[in-house]
Amino acid sequence: MNFLGFKRHKVAYIIEYIKWTISIALLVLIIIYNYIYQNIQEIFRDLLVSVLMICMGYVILSTKKFKIISTFIKKSIVEVYKIFWPTYIETLQMTFIVFIITVIISIILWLLDYSLIYLISFLIR
């Protein structure tokens, strides 16, 4: 039984590897196609590139990594809705408090700097 489970995981790994190889090959094919066939009418080129991009997207959407990433994104969106966002008034009040504290600290630092300069100039004379 264990051997069959191992074989099943190995087959799934090989399928994932093939999917990623196909998607990378399609991306390289799109880049090469756009570079080589610049003389073809733009609408036909864009149409073929769009079809190849859709195929590449379908292959990527069917991979296990994408399913894990999409689950993570969905859970993150749910967590964002759970956050307590402050109201407009609370935001203004907090901004005002931060501004006042910044002004007070800057005045204290200015007084400290001024007194140290005065003390050093007094000692130098």
PDB file of N, CA and C in Angstrom:
ATOM      1  N   MET A   1       0.830  -1.201   0.000  1.00  0.00           N
ATOM      2  CA  MET A   1       0.000   0.000   0.000  1.00  0.00           C
ATOM      3  C   MET A   1       0.865   1.252   0.000  1.00  0.00           C
ATOM      4  N   ASN A   2       1.939   1.239   0.768  1.00  0.00           N
ATOM      5  CA  ASN A   2       2.823   2.386   0.830  1.00  0.00           C
ATOM      6  C   ASN A   2       3.465   2.654  -0.522  1.00  0.00           C
ATOM      7  N   PHE A   3       3.797   1.579  -1.233  1.00  0.00           N
ATOM      8  CA  PHE A   3       4.418   1.739  -2.539  1.00  0.00           C
ATOM      9  C   PHE A   3       3.462   2.423  -3.510  1.00  0.00           C
ATOM     10  N   LEU A   4       2.175   2.080  -3.436  1.00  0.00           N
ATOM     11  CA  LEU A   4       1.201   2.705  -4.333  1.00  0.00           C
ATOM     12  C   LEU A   4       1.035   4.184  -4.009  1.00  0.00           C
ATOM     13  N   GLY A   5       1.048   4.526  -2.716  1.00  0.00           N
ATOM     14  CA  GLY A   5       0.962   5.932  -2.325  1.00  0.00           C
ATOM     15  C   GLY A   5       2.161   6.720  -2.813  1.00  0.00           C
ATOM     16  N   PHE A   6       3.339   6.129  -2.709  1.00  0.00           N
ATOM     17  CA  PHE A   6       4.552   6.783  -3.194  1.00  0.00           C
ATOM     18  C   PHE A   6       4.480   6.978  -4.699  1.00  0.00           C
ATOM     19  N   LYS A   7       3.982   5.968  -5.397  1.00  0.00           N
ATOM     20  CA  LYS A   7       3.878   6.057  -6.854  1.00  0.00           C
ATOM     21  C   LYS A   7       2.885   7.151  -7.250  1.00  0.00           C
ATOM     22  N   ARG A   8       1.797   7.266  -6.500  1.00  0.00           N
ATOM     23  CA  ARG A   8       0.801   8.285  -6.795  1.00  0.00           C
ATOM     24  C   ARG A   8       1.392   9.683  -6.613  1.00  0.00           C
ATOM     25  N   HIS A   9       2.187   9.877  -5.563  1.00  0.00           N
ATOM     26  CA  HIS A   9       2.825  11.176  -5.336  1.00  0.00           C
ATOM     27  C   HIS A   9       3.852  11.472  -6.413  1.00  0.00           C
ATOM     28  N   LYS A  10       4.549  10.456  -6.856  1.00  0.00           N
ATOM     29  CA  LYS A  10       5.547  10.648  -7.903  1.00  0.00           C
ATOM     30  C   LYS A  10       4.880  11.034  -9.218  1.00  0.00           C
ATOM     31  N   VAL A  11       3.759  10.406  -9.524  1.00  0.00           N
ATOM     32  CA  VAL A  11       3.024  10.738 -10.747  1.00  0.00           C
ATOM     33  C   VAL A  11       2.499  12.170 -10.663  1.00  0.00           C
ATOM     34  N   ALA A  12       1.985  12.579  -9.508  1.00  0.00           N
ATOM     35  CA  ALA A  12       1.492  13.950  -9.339  1.00  0.00           C
ATOM     36  C   ALA A  12       2.628  14.950  -9.500  1.00  0.00           C
ATOM     37  N   TYR A  13       3.796  14.623  -8.970  1.00  0.00           N
ATOM     38  CA  TYR A  13       4.958  15.505  -9.116  1.00  0.00           C
ATOM     39  C   TYR A  13       5.357  15.632 -10.581  1.00  0.00           C
ATOM     40  N   ILE A  14       5.344  14.516 -11.293  1.00  0.00           N
ATOM     41  CA  ILE A  14       5.703  14.548 -12.718  1.00  0.00           C
ATOM     42  C   ILE A  14       4.697  15.374 -13.506  1.00  0.00           C
ATOM     43  N   ILE A  15       3.414  15.237 -13.187  1.00  0.00           N
ATOM     44  CA  ILE A  15       2.388  16.020 -13.885  1.00  0.00           C
ATOM     45  C   ILE A  15       2.582  17.510 -13.624  1.00  0.00           C
ATOM     46  N   GLU A  16       2.872  17.889 -12.375  1.00  0.00           N
ATOM     47  CA  GLU A  16       3.130  19.300 -12.059  1.00  0.00           C
ATOM     48  C   GLU A  16       4.349  19.813 -12.816  1.00  0.00           C
ATOM     49  N   TYR A  17       5.376  19.018 -12.875  1.00  0.00           N
ATOM     50  CA  TYR A  17       6.592  19.391 -13.601  1.00  0.00           C
ATOM     51  C   TYR A  17       6.286  19.601 -15.082  1.00  0.00           C
ATOM     52  N   ILE A  18       5.479  18.720 -15.653  1.00  0.00           N
ATOM     53  CA  ILE A  18       5.109  18.854 -17.069  1.00  0.00           C
ATOM     54  C   ILE A  18       4.293  20.124 -17.285  1.00  0.00           C
ATOM     55  N   LYS A  19       3.372  20.426 -16.374  1.00  0.00           N
ATOM     56  CA  LYS A  19       2.556  21.642 -16.512  1.00  0.00           C
ATOM     57  C   LYS A  19       3.427  22.893 -16.499  1.00  0.00           C
ATOM     58  N   TRP A  20       4.379  22.964 -15.554  1.00  0.00           N
ATOM     59  CA  TRP A  20       5.248  24.138 -15.490  1.00  0.00           C
ATOM     60  C   TRP A  20       6.162  24.213 -16.703  1.00  0.00           C
ATOM     61  N   THR A  21       6.616  23.072 -17.190  1.00  0.00           N
ATOM     62  CA  THR A  21       7.453  23.061 -18.390  1.00  0.00           C
ATOM     63  C   THR A  21       6.673  23.565 -19.595  1.00  0.00           C
ATOM     64  N   ILE A  22       5.422  23.123 -19.717  1.00  0.00           N
ATOM     65  CA  ILE A  22       4.588  23.582 -20.833  1.00  0.00           C
ATOM     66  C   ILE A  22       4.350  25.083 -20.740  1.00  0.00           C
ATOM     67  N   SER A  23       4.052  25.594 -19.551  1.00  0.00           N
ATOM     68  CA  SER A  23       3.783  27.031 -19.424  1.00  0.00           C
ATOM     69  C   SER A  23       5.025  27.862 -19.731  1.00  0.00           C
ATOM     70  N   ILE A  24       6.189  27.411 -19.289  1.00  0.00           N
ATOM     71  CA  ILE A  24       7.426  28.143 -19.600  1.00  0.00           C
ATOM     72  C   ILE A  24       7.731  28.053 -21.084  1.00  0.00           C
ATOM     73  N   ALA A  25       7.488  26.884 -21.674  1.00  0.00           N
ATOM     74  CA  ALA A  25       7.716  26.733 -23.116  1.00  0.00           C
ATOM     75  C   ALA A  25       6.785  27.639 -23.911  1.00  0.00           C
ATOM     76  N   LEU A  26       5.540  27.770 -23.473  1.00  0.00           N
ATOM     77  CA  LEU A  26       4.611  28.676 -24.164  1.00  0.00           C
ATOM     78  C   LEU A  26       5.060  30.126 -24.037  1.00  0.00           C
ATOM     79  N   LEU A  27       5.561  30.508 -22.885  1.00  0.00           N
ATOM     80  CA  LEU A  27       6.052  31.873 -22.710  1.00  0.00           C
ATOM     81  C   LEU A  27       7.239  32.145 -23.620  1.00  0.00           C
ATOM     82  N   VAL A  28       8.165  31.203 -23.680  1.00  0.00           N
ATOM     83  CA  VAL A  28       9.322  31.358 -24.571  1.00  0.00           C
ATOM     84  C   VAL A  28       8.865  31.400 -26.018  1.00  0.00           C
ATOM     85  N   LEU A  29       7.887  30.570 -26.362  1.00  0.00           N
ATOM     86  CA  LEU A  29       7.350  30.557 -27.725  1.00  0.00           C
ATOM     87  C   LEU A  29       6.723  31.902 -28.082  1.00  0.00           C
ATOM     88  N   ILE A  30       6.017  32.508 -27.158  1.00  0.00           N
ATOM     89  CA  ILE A  30       5.413  33.825 -27.409  1.00  0.00           C
ATOM     90  C   ILE A  30       6.498  34.863 -27.658  1.00  0.00           C
ATOM     91  N   ILE A  31       7.524  34.863 -26.840  1.00  0.00           N
ATOM     92  CA  ILE A  31       8.607  35.846 -26.997  1.00  0.00           C
ATOM     93  C   ILE A  31       9.319  35.653 -28.327  1.00  0.00           C
ATOM     94  N   ILE A  32       9.644  34.408 -28.660  1.00  0.00           N
ATOM     95  CA  ILE A  32      10.332  34.141 -29.928  1.00  0.00           C
ATOM     96  C   ILE A  32       9.436  34.489 -31.108  1.00  0.00           C
ATOM     97  N   TYR A  33       8.164  34.136 -31.027  1.00  0.00           N
ATOM     98  CA  TYR A  33       7.229  34.425 -32.115  1.00  0.00           C
ATOM     99  C   TYR A  33       7.129  35.929 -32.361  1.00  0.00           C
ATOM    100  N   ASN A  34       7.029  36.706 -31.299  1.00  0.00           N
ATOM    101  CA  ASN A  34       6.941  38.159 -31.473  1.00  0.00           C
ATOM    102  C   ASN A  34       8.220  38.735 -32.051  1.00  0.00           C
ATOM    103  N   TYR A  35       9.344  38.144 -31.731  1.00  0.00           N
ATOM    104  CA  TYR A  35      10.616  38.657 -32.233  1.00  0.00           C
ATOM    105  C   TYR A  35      10.840  38.277 -33.693  1.00  0.00           C
ATOM    106  N   ILE A  36      10.538  37.038 -34.039  1.00  0.00           N
ATOM    107  CA  ILE A  36      10.828  36.564 -35.398  1.00  0.00           C
ATOM    108  C   ILE A  36       9.816  37.087 -36.412  1.00  0.00           C
ATOM    109  N   TYR A  37       8.542  37.017 -36.082  1.00  0.00           N
ATOM    110  CA  TYR A  37       7.497  37.361 -37.048  1.00  0.00           C
ATOM    111  C   TYR A  37       6.997  38.788 -36.845  1.00  0.00           C
ATOM    112  N   GLN A  38       7.872  39.740 -36.998  1.00  0.00           N
ATOM    113  CA  GLN A  38       7.477  41.138 -36.872  1.00  0.00           C
ATOM    114  C   GLN A  38       6.826  41.662 -38.142  1.00  0.00           C
ATOM    115  N   ASN A  39       7.032  40.981 -39.267  1.00  0.00           N
ATOM    116  CA  ASN A  39       6.501  41.451 -40.546  1.00  0.00           C
ATOM    117  C   ASN A  39       5.046  41.065 -40.756  1.00  0.00           C
ATOM    118  N   ILE A  40       4.539  40.120 -39.994  1.00  0.00           N
ATOM    119  CA  ILE A  40       3.147  39.700 -40.139  1.00  0.00           C
ATOM    120  C   ILE A  40       2.249  40.812 -39.593  1.00  0.00           C
ATOM    121  N   GLN A  41       1.038  40.882 -40.155  1.00  0.00           N
ATOM    122  CA  GLN A  41       0.111  41.913 -39.696  1.00  0.00           C
ATOM    123  C   GLN A  41      -0.099  41.806 -38.186  1.00  0.00           C
ATOM    124  N   GLU A  42      -0.255  42.949 -37.595  1.00  0.00           N
ATOM    125  CA  GLU A  42      -0.307  43.011 -36.139  1.00  0.00           C
ATOM    126  C   GLU A  42      -1.523  42.297 -35.559  1.00  0.00           C
ATOM    127  N   ILE A  43      -2.639  42.341 -36.262  1.00  0.00           N
ATOM    128  CA  ILE A  43      -3.846  41.715 -35.717  1.00  0.00           C
ATOM    129  C   ILE A  43      -3.703  40.201 -35.629  1.00  0.00           C
ATOM    130  N   PHE A  44      -3.064  39.597 -36.639  1.00  0.00           N
ATOM    131  CA  PHE A  44      -2.867  38.147 -36.601  1.00  0.00           C
ATOM    132  C   PHE A  44      -1.865  37.760 -35.510  1.00  0.00           C
ATOM    133  N   ARG A  45      -0.836  38.571 -35.390  1.00  0.00           N
ATOM    134  CA  ARG A  45       0.156  38.324 -34.344  1.00  0.00           C
ATOM    135  C   ARG A  45      -0.478  38.430 -32.961  1.00  0.00           C
ATOM    136  N   ASP A  46      -1.252  39.477 -32.754  1.00  0.00           N
ATOM    137  CA  ASP A  46      -1.910  39.665 -31.460  1.00  0.00           C
ATOM    138  C   ASP A  46      -2.910  38.553 -31.169  1.00  0.00           C
ATOM    139  N   LEU A  47      -3.604  38.107 -32.204  1.00  0.00           N
ATOM    140  CA  LEU A  47      -4.573  37.033 -32.021  1.00  0.00           C
ATOM    141  C   LEU A  47      -3.880  35.739 -31.591  1.00  0.00           C
ATOM    142  N   LEU A  48      -2.784  35.396 -32.258  1.00  0.00           N
ATOM    143  CA  LEU A  48      -2.065  34.179 -31.894  1.00  0.00           C
ATOM    144  C   LEU A  48      -1.425  34.301 -30.508  1.00  0.00           C
ATOM    145  N   VAL A  49      -0.876  35.467 -30.205  1.00  0.00           N
ATOM    146  CA  VAL A  49      -0.289  35.673 -28.879  1.00  0.00           C
ATOM    147  C   VAL A  49      -1.368  35.559 -27.805  1.00  0.00           C
ATOM    148  N   SER A  50      -2.556  36.093 -28.071  1.00  0.00           N
ATOM    149  CA  SER A  50      -3.649  35.996 -27.100  1.00  0.00           C
ATOM    150  C   SER A  50      -4.049  34.544 -26.864  1.00  0.00           C
ATOM    151  N   VAL A  51      -4.135  33.772 -27.935  1.00  0.00           N
ATOM    152  CA  VAL A  51      -4.491  32.355 -27.792  1.00  0.00           C
ATOM    153  C   VAL A  51      -3.422  31.619 -26.989  1.00  0.00           C
ATOM    154  N   LEU A  52      -2.157  31.891 -27.285  1.00  0.00           N
ATOM    155  CA  LEU A  52      -1.076  31.238 -26.541  1.00  0.00           C
ATOM    156  C   LEU A  52      -1.077  31.662 -25.071  1.00  0.00           C
ATOM    157  N   MET A  53      -1.376  32.939 -24.798  1.00  0.00           N
ATOM    158  CA  MET A  53      -1.438  33.413 -23.406  1.00  0.00           C
ATOM    159  C   MET A  53      -2.595  32.745 -22.656  1.00  0.00           C
ATOM    160  N   ILE A  54      -3.723  32.563 -23.334  1.00  0.00           N
ATOM    161  CA  ILE A  54      -4.859  31.889 -22.697  1.00  0.00           C
ATOM    162  C   ILE A  54      -4.498  30.442 -22.381  1.00  0.00           C
ATOM    163  N   CYS A  55      -3.825  29.779 -23.315  1.00  0.00           N
ATOM    164  CA  CYS A  55      -3.384  28.396 -23.067  1.00  0.00           C
ATOM    165  C   CYS A  55      -2.404  28.343 -21.893  1.00  0.00           C
ATOM    166  N   MET A  56      -1.468  29.277 -21.864  1.00  0.00           N
ATOM    167  CA  MET A  56      -0.498  29.316 -20.779  1.00  0.00           C
ATOM    168  C   MET A  56      -1.197  29.592 -19.443  1.00  0.00           C
ATOM    169  N   GLY A  57      -2.148  30.514 -19.451  1.00  0.00           N
ATOM    170  CA  GLY A  57      -2.898  30.807 -18.235  1.00  0.00           C
ATOM    171  C   GLY A  57      -3.691  29.610 -17.747  1.00  0.00           C
ATOM    172  N   TYR A  58      -4.293  28.873 -18.674  1.00  0.00           N
ATOM    173  CA  TYR A  58      -5.050  27.682 -18.293  1.00  0.00           C
ATOM    174  C   TYR A  58      -4.141  26.642 -17.653  1.00  0.00           C
ATOM    175  N   VAL A  59      -2.954  26.459 -18.212  1.00  0.00           N
ATOM    176  CA  VAL A  59      -2.013  25.482 -17.655  1.00  0.00           C
ATOM    177  C   VAL A  59      -1.562  25.924 -16.267  1.00  0.00           C
ATOM    178  N   ILE A  60      -1.260  27.204 -16.101  1.00  0.00           N
ATOM    179  CA  ILE A  60      -0.813  27.701 -14.795  1.00  0.00           C
ATOM    180  C   ILE A  60      -1.944  27.629 -13.767  1.00  0.00           C
ATOM    181  N   LEU A  61      -3.180  27.919 -14.202  1.00  0.00           N
ATOM    182  CA  LEU A  61      -4.308  27.860 -13.273  1.00  0.00           C
ATOM    183  C   LEU A  61      -4.581  26.444 -12.774  1.00  0.00           C
ATOM    184  N   SER A  62      -4.142  25.443 -13.500  1.00  0.00           N
ATOM    185  CA  SER A  62      -4.416  24.068 -13.090  1.00  0.00           C
ATOM    186  C   SER A  62      -3.307  23.468 -12.230  1.00  0.00           C
ATOM    187  N   THR A  63      -2.279  24.249 -11.904  1.00  0.00           N
ATOM    188  CA  THR A  63      -1.188  23.703 -11.094  1.00  0.00           C
ATOM    189  C   THR A  63      -1.534  23.752  -9.609  1.00  0.00           C
ATOM    190  N   LYS A  64      -0.838  22.952  -8.849  1.00  0.00           N
ATOM    191  CA  LYS A  64      -1.057  22.890  -7.404  1.00  0.00           C
ATOM    192  C   LYS A  64      -0.572  24.169  -6.719  1.00  0.00           C
ATOM    193  N   LYS A  65       0.533  24.731  -7.205  1.00  0.00           N
ATOM    194  CA  LYS A  65       1.068  25.974  -6.617  1.00  0.00           C
ATOM    195  C   LYS A  65       0.050  27.101  -6.722  1.00  0.00           C
ATOM    196  N   PHE A  66      -0.603  27.212  -7.885  1.00  0.00           N
ATOM    197  CA  PHE A  66      -1.579  28.287  -8.056  1.00  0.00           C
ATOM    198  C   PHE A  66      -2.757  28.094  -7.113  1.00  0.00           C
ATOM    199  N   LYS A  67      -3.171  26.853  -6.909  1.00  0.00           N
ATOM    200  CA  LYS A  67      -4.281  26.605  -5.990  1.00  0.00           C
ATOM    201  C   LYS A  67      -3.909  26.999  -4.566  1.00  0.00           C
ATOM    202  N   ILE A  68      -2.668  26.744  -4.179  1.00  0.00           N
ATOM    203  CA  ILE A  68      -2.198  27.142  -2.845  1.00  0.00           C
ATOM    204  C   ILE A  68      -2.171  28.666  -2.732  1.00  0.00           C
ATOM    205  N   ILE A  69      -1.670  29.330  -3.777  1.00  0.00           N
ATOM    206  CA  ILE A  69      -1.592  30.796  -3.769  1.00  0.00           C
ATOM    207  C   ILE A  69      -2.984  31.413  -3.743  1.00  0.00           C
ATOM    208  N   SER A  70      -3.919  30.866  -4.530  1.00  0.00           N
ATOM    209  CA  SER A  70      -5.269  31.429  -4.550  1.00  0.00           C
ATOM    210  C   SER A  70      -5.969  31.226  -3.209  1.00  0.00           C
ATOM    211  N   THR A  71      -5.730  30.096  -2.550  1.00  0.00           N
ATOM    212  CA  THR A  71      -6.293  29.882  -1.216  1.00  0.00           C
ATOM    213  C   THR A  71      -5.724  30.890  -0.225  1.00  0.00           C
ATOM    214  N   PHE A  72      -4.424  31.146  -0.310  1.00  0.00           N
ATOM    215  CA  PHE A  72      -3.788  32.136   0.564  1.00  0.00           C
ATOM    216  C   PHE A  72      -4.382  33.528   0.335  1.00  0.00           C
ATOM    217  N   ILE A  73      -4.584  33.903  -0.926  1.00  0.00           N
ATOM    218  CA  ILE A  73      -5.145  35.224  -1.235  1.00  0.00           C
ATOM    219  C   ILE A  73      -6.567  35.338  -0.704  1.00  0.00           C
ATOM    220  N   LYS A  74      -7.369  34.286  -0.867  1.00  0.00           N
ATOM    221  CA  LYS A  74      -8.746  34.321  -0.358  1.00  0.00           C
ATOM    222  C   LYS A  74      -8.769  34.472   1.159  1.00  0.00           C
ATOM    223  N   LYS A  75      -7.894  33.745   1.844  1.00  0.00           N
ATOM    224  CA  LYS A  75      -7.835  33.855   3.309  1.00  0.00           C
ATOM    225  C   LYS A  75      -7.333  35.231   3.739  1.00  0.00           C
ATOM    226  N   SER A  76      -6.424  35.809   2.964  1.00  0.00           N
ATOM    227  CA  SER A  76      -5.928  37.155   3.280  1.00  0.00           C
ATOM    228  C   SER A  76      -7.034  38.188   3.137  1.00  0.00           C
ATOM    229  N   ILE A  77      -7.858  38.048   2.117  1.00  0.00           N
ATOM    230  CA  ILE A  77      -8.974  38.984   1.924  1.00  0.00           C
ATOM    231  C   ILE A  77      -9.952  38.880   3.089  1.00  0.00           C
ATOM    232  N   VAL A  78     -10.224  37.665   3.549  1.00  0.00           N
ATOM    233  CA  VAL A  78     -11.107  37.484   4.705  1.00  0.00           C
ATOM    234  C   VAL A  78     -10.514  38.163   5.934  1.00  0.00           C
ATOM    235  N   GLU A  79      -9.206  38.052   6.128  1.00  0.00           N
ATOM    236  CA  GLU A  79      -8.551  38.687   7.277  1.00  0.00           C
ATOM    237  C   GLU A  79      -8.594  40.212   7.184  1.00  0.00           C
ATOM    238  N   VAL A  80      -8.511  40.750   5.968  1.00  0.00           N
ATOM    239  CA  VAL A  80      -8.582  42.209   5.804  1.00  0.00           C
ATOM    240  C   VAL A  80      -9.948  42.716   6.239  1.00  0.00           C
ATOM    241  N   TYR A  81     -11.006  41.949   5.966  1.00  0.00           N
ATOM    242  CA  TYR A  81     -12.335  42.370   6.393  1.00  0.00           C
ATOM    243  C   TYR A  81     -12.495  42.314   7.909  1.00  0.00           C
ATOM    244  N   LYS A  82     -11.681  41.524   8.600  1.00  0.00           N
ATOM    245  CA  LYS A  82     -11.773  41.412  10.054  1.00  0.00           C
ATOM    246  C   LYS A  82     -11.060  42.548  10.781  1.00  0.00           C
ATOM    247  N   ILE A  83     -10.272  43.332  10.076  1.00  0.00           N
ATOM    248  CA  ILE A  83      -9.495  44.402  10.706  1.00  0.00           C
ATOM    249  C   ILE A  83     -10.428  45.519  11.165  1.00  0.00           C
ATOM    250  N   PHE A  84     -10.147  46.071  12.337  1.00  0.00           N
ATOM    251  CA  PHE A  84     -10.893  47.224  12.837  1.00  0.00           C
ATOM    252  C   PHE A  84     -10.259  48.485  12.265  1.00  0.00           C
ATOM    253  N   TRP A  85     -10.944  49.136  11.356  1.00  0.00           N
ATOM    254  CA  TRP A  85     -10.430  50.351  10.736  1.00  0.00           C
ATOM    255  C   TRP A  85     -10.950  51.558  11.507  1.00  0.00           C
ATOM    256  N   PRO A  86     -10.086  52.531  11.808  1.00  0.00           N
ATOM    257  CA  PRO A  86     -10.533  53.713  12.562  1.00  0.00           C
ATOM    258  C   PRO A  86     -11.439  54.604  11.711  1.00  0.00           C
ATOM    259  N   THR A  87     -12.257  55.373  12.416  1.00  0.00           N
ATOM    260  CA  THR A  87     -13.124  56.311  11.713  1.00  0.00           C
ATOM    261  C   THR A  87     -12.322  57.544  11.306  1.00  0.00           C
ATOM    262  N   TYR A  88     -12.970  58.412  10.555  1.00  0.00           N
ATOM    263  CA  TYR A  88     -12.307  59.627  10.085  1.00  0.00           C
ATOM    264  C   TYR A  88     -11.902  60.516  11.259  1.00  0.00           C
ATOM    265  N   ILE A  89     -12.790  60.669  12.224  1.00  0.00           N
ATOM    266  CA  ILE A  89     -12.506  61.515  13.393  1.00  0.00           C
ATOM    267  C   ILE A  89     -11.342  60.936  14.197  1.00  0.00           C
ATOM    268  N   GLU A  90     -11.337  59.626  14.401  1.00  0.00           N
ATOM    269  CA  GLU A  90     -10.238  59.004  15.143  1.00  0.00           C
ATOM    270  C   GLU A  90      -8.904  59.200  14.426  1.00  0.00           C
ATOM    271  N   THR A  91      -8.933  59.125  13.110  1.00  0.00           N
ATOM    272  CA  THR A  91      -7.708  59.344  12.338  1.00  0.00           C
ATOM    273  C   THR A  91      -7.219  60.774  12.489  1.00  0.00           C
ATOM    274  N   LEU A  92      -8.130  61.737  12.429  1.00  0.00           N
ATOM    275  CA  LEU A  92      -7.739  63.141  12.607  1.00  0.00           C
ATOM    276  C   LEU A  92      -7.186  63.391  14.008  1.00  0.00           C
ATOM    277  N   GLN A  93      -7.828  62.824  15.009  1.00  0.00           N
ATOM    278  CA  GLN A  93      -7.355  63.009  16.379  1.00  0.00           C
ATOM    279  C   GLN A  93      -5.961  62.422  16.567  1.00  0.00           C
ATOM    280  N   MET A  94      -5.732  61.240  16.029  1.00  0.00           N
ATOM    281  CA  MET A  94      -4.416  60.615  16.163  1.00  0.00           C
ATOM    282  C   MET A  94      -3.358  61.419  15.414  1.00  0.00           C
ATOM    283  N   THR A  95      -3.701  61.935  14.243  1.00  0.00           N
ATOM    284  CA  THR A  95      -2.761  62.767  13.489  1.00  0.00           C
ATOM    285  C   THR A  95      -2.416  64.028  14.270  1.00  0.00           C
ATOM    286  N   PHE A  96      -3.412  64.639  14.886  1.00  0.00           N
ATOM    287  CA  PHE A  96      -3.182  65.844  15.677  1.00  0.00           C
ATOM    288  C   PHE A  96      -2.280  65.542  16.877  1.00  0.00           C
ATOM    289  N   ILE A  97      -2.507  64.421  17.534  1.00  0.00           N
ATOM    290  CA  ILE A  97      -1.671  64.038  18.683  1.00  0.00           C
ATOM    291  C   ILE A  97      -0.227  63.824  18.250  1.00  0.00           C
ATOM    292  N   VAL A  98      -0.028  63.133  17.139  1.00  0.00           N
ATOM    293  CA  VAL A  98       1.331  62.895  16.638  1.00  0.00           C
ATOM    294  C   VAL A  98       1.998  64.214  16.281  1.00  0.00           C
ATOM    295  N   PHE A  99       1.259  65.124  15.678  1.00  0.00           N
ATOM    296  CA  PHE A  99       1.810  66.430  15.314  1.00  0.00           C
ATOM    297  C   PHE A  99       2.238  67.206  16.558  1.00  0.00           C
ATOM    298  N   ILE A 100       1.403  67.242  17.572  1.00  0.00           N
ATOM    299  CA  ILE A 100       1.709  67.972  18.804  1.00  0.00           C
ATOM    300  C   ILE A 100       2.934  67.368  19.498  1.00  0.00           C
ATOM    301  N   ILE A 101       2.998  66.057  19.589  1.00  0.00           N
ATOM    302  CA  ILE A 101       4.148  65.411  20.232  1.00  0.00           C
ATOM    303  C   ILE A 101       5.421  65.687  19.446  1.00  0.00           C
ATOM    304  N   THR A 102       5.335  65.683  18.129  1.00  0.00           N
ATOM    305  CA  THR A 102       6.506  65.988  17.302  1.00  0.00           C
ATOM    306  C   THR A 102       6.987  67.408  17.549  1.00  0.00           C
ATOM    307  N   VAL A 103       6.079  68.349  17.652  1.00  0.00           N
ATOM    308  CA  VAL A 103       6.454  69.739  17.919  1.00  0.00           C
ATOM    309  C   VAL A 103       7.097  69.855  19.297  1.00  0.00           C
ATOM    310  N   ILE A 104       6.527  69.209  20.293  1.00  0.00           N
ATOM    311  CA  ILE A 104       7.082  69.279  21.651  1.00  0.00           C
ATOM    312  C   ILE A 104       8.489  68.681  21.699  1.00  0.00           C
ATOM    313  N   ILE A 105       8.681  67.525  21.098  1.00  0.00           N
ATOM    314  CA  ILE A 105      10.008  66.890  21.088  1.00  0.00           C
ATOM    315  C   ILE A 105      11.007  67.741  20.323  1.00  0.00           C
ATOM    316  N   SER A 106      10.584  68.342  19.221  1.00  0.00           N
ATOM    317  CA  SER A 106      11.517  69.190  18.461  1.00  0.00           C
ATOM    318  C   SER A 106      11.906  70.433  19.257  1.00  0.00           C
ATOM    319  N   ILE A 107      10.977  71.002  20.014  1.00  0.00           N
ATOM    320  CA  ILE A 107      11.316  72.149  20.863  1.00  0.00           C
ATOM    321  C   ILE A 107      12.296  71.728  21.961  1.00  0.00           C
ATOM    322  N   ILE A 108      12.069  70.580  22.562  1.00  0.00           N
ATOM    323  CA  ILE A 108      12.994  70.082  23.590  1.00  0.00           C
ATOM    324  C   ILE A 108      14.383  69.874  22.999  1.00  0.00           C
ATOM    325  N   LEU A 109      14.466  69.273  21.835  1.00  0.00           N
ATOM    326  CA  LEU A 109      15.769  69.057  21.195  1.00  0.00           C
ATOM    327  C   LEU A 109      16.433  70.383  20.820  1.00  0.00           C
ATOM    328  N   TRP A 110      15.633  71.333  20.364  1.00  0.00           N
ATOM    329  CA  TRP A 110      16.194  72.645  20.022  1.00  0.00           C
ATOM    330  C   TRP A 110      16.767  73.320  21.274  1.00  0.00           C
ATOM    331  N   LEU A 111      16.030  73.262  22.391  1.00  0.00           N
ATOM    332  CA  LEU A 111      16.522  73.856  23.636  1.00  0.00           C
ATOM    333  C   LEU A 111      17.782  73.151  24.127  1.00  0.00           C
ATOM    334  N   LEU A 112      17.821  71.853  24.014  1.00  0.00           N
ATOM    335  CA  LEU A 112      19.011  71.105  24.411  1.00  0.00           C
ATOM    336  C   LEU A 112      20.202  71.486  23.530  1.00  0.00           C
ATOM    337  N   ASP A 113      19.982  71.576  22.243  1.00  0.00           N
ATOM    338  CA  ASP A 113      21.052  71.959  21.321  1.00  0.00           C
ATOM    339  C   ASP A 113      21.531  73.384  21.619  1.00  0.00           C
ATOM    340  N   TYR A 114      20.605  74.291  21.820  1.00  0.00           N
ATOM    341  CA  TYR A 114      20.953  75.677  22.105  1.00  0.00           C
ATOM    342  C   TYR A 114      21.740  75.781  23.412  1.00  0.00           C
ATOM    343  N   SER A 115      21.301  75.053  24.441  1.00  0.00           N
ATOM    344  CA  SER A 115      22.008  75.127  25.731  1.00  0.00           C
ATOM    345  C   SER A 115      23.396  74.501  25.638  1.00  0.00           C
ATOM    346  N   LEU A 116      23.552  73.427  24.886  1.00  0.00           N
ATOM    347  CA  LEU A 116      24.876  72.825  24.721  1.00  0.00           C
ATOM    348  C   LEU A 116      25.810  73.747  23.944  1.00  0.00           C
ATOM    349  N   ILE A 117      25.302  74.389  22.933  1.00  0.00           N
ATOM    350  CA  ILE A 117      26.127  75.343  22.182  1.00  0.00           C
ATOM    351  C   ILE A 117      26.537  76.504  23.093  1.00  0.00           C
ATOM    352  N   TYR A 118      25.613  77.005  23.889  1.00  0.00           N
ATOM    353  CA  TYR A 118      25.921  78.096  24.816  1.00  0.00           C
ATOM    354  C   TYR A 118      26.957  77.648  25.845  1.00  0.00           C
ATOM    355  N   LEU A 119      26.809  76.443  26.382  1.00  0.00           N
ATOM    356  CA  LEU A 119      27.741  75.924  27.374  1.00  0.00           C
ATOM    357  C   LEU A 119      29.132  75.728  26.771  1.00  0.00           C
ATOM    358  N   ILE A 120      29.215  75.191  25.590  1.00  0.00           N
ATOM    359  CA  ILE A 120      30.518  74.977  24.939  1.00  0.00           C
ATOM    360  C   ILE A 120      31.174  76.313  24.614  1.00  0.00           C
ATOM    361  N   SER A 121      30.406  77.263  24.125  1.00  0.00           N
ATOM    362  CA  SER A 121      30.992  78.576  23.827  1.00  0.00           C
ATOM    363  C   SER A 121      31.442  79.280  25.113  1.00  0.00           C
ATOM    364  N   PHE A 122      30.741  79.075  26.213  1.00  0.00           N
ATOM    365  CA  PHE A 122      31.151  79.646  27.488  1.00  0.00           C
ATOM    366  C   PHE A 122      32.454  79.014  27.978  1.00  0.00           C
ATOM    367  N   LEU A 123      32.588  77.695  27.812  1.00  0.00           N
ATOM    368  CA  LEU A 123      33.796  76.995  28.246  1.00  0.00           C
ATOM    369  C   LEU A 123      34.999  77.333  27.370  1.00  0.00           C
ATOM    370  N   ILE A 124      34.794  77.589  26.135  1.00  0.00           N
ATOM    371  CA  ILE A 124      35.895  77.901  25.219  1.00  0.00           C
ATOM    372  C   ILE A 124      36.448  79.291  25.501  1.00  0.00           C
ATOM    373  N   ARG A 125      35.689  80.231  25.910  1.00  0.00           N
ATOM    374  CA  ARG A 125      36.152  81.598  26.157  1.00  0.00           C
ATOM    375  C   ARG A 125      37.037  81.667  27.296  1.00  0.00           C
TER     376      ARG A 125
END
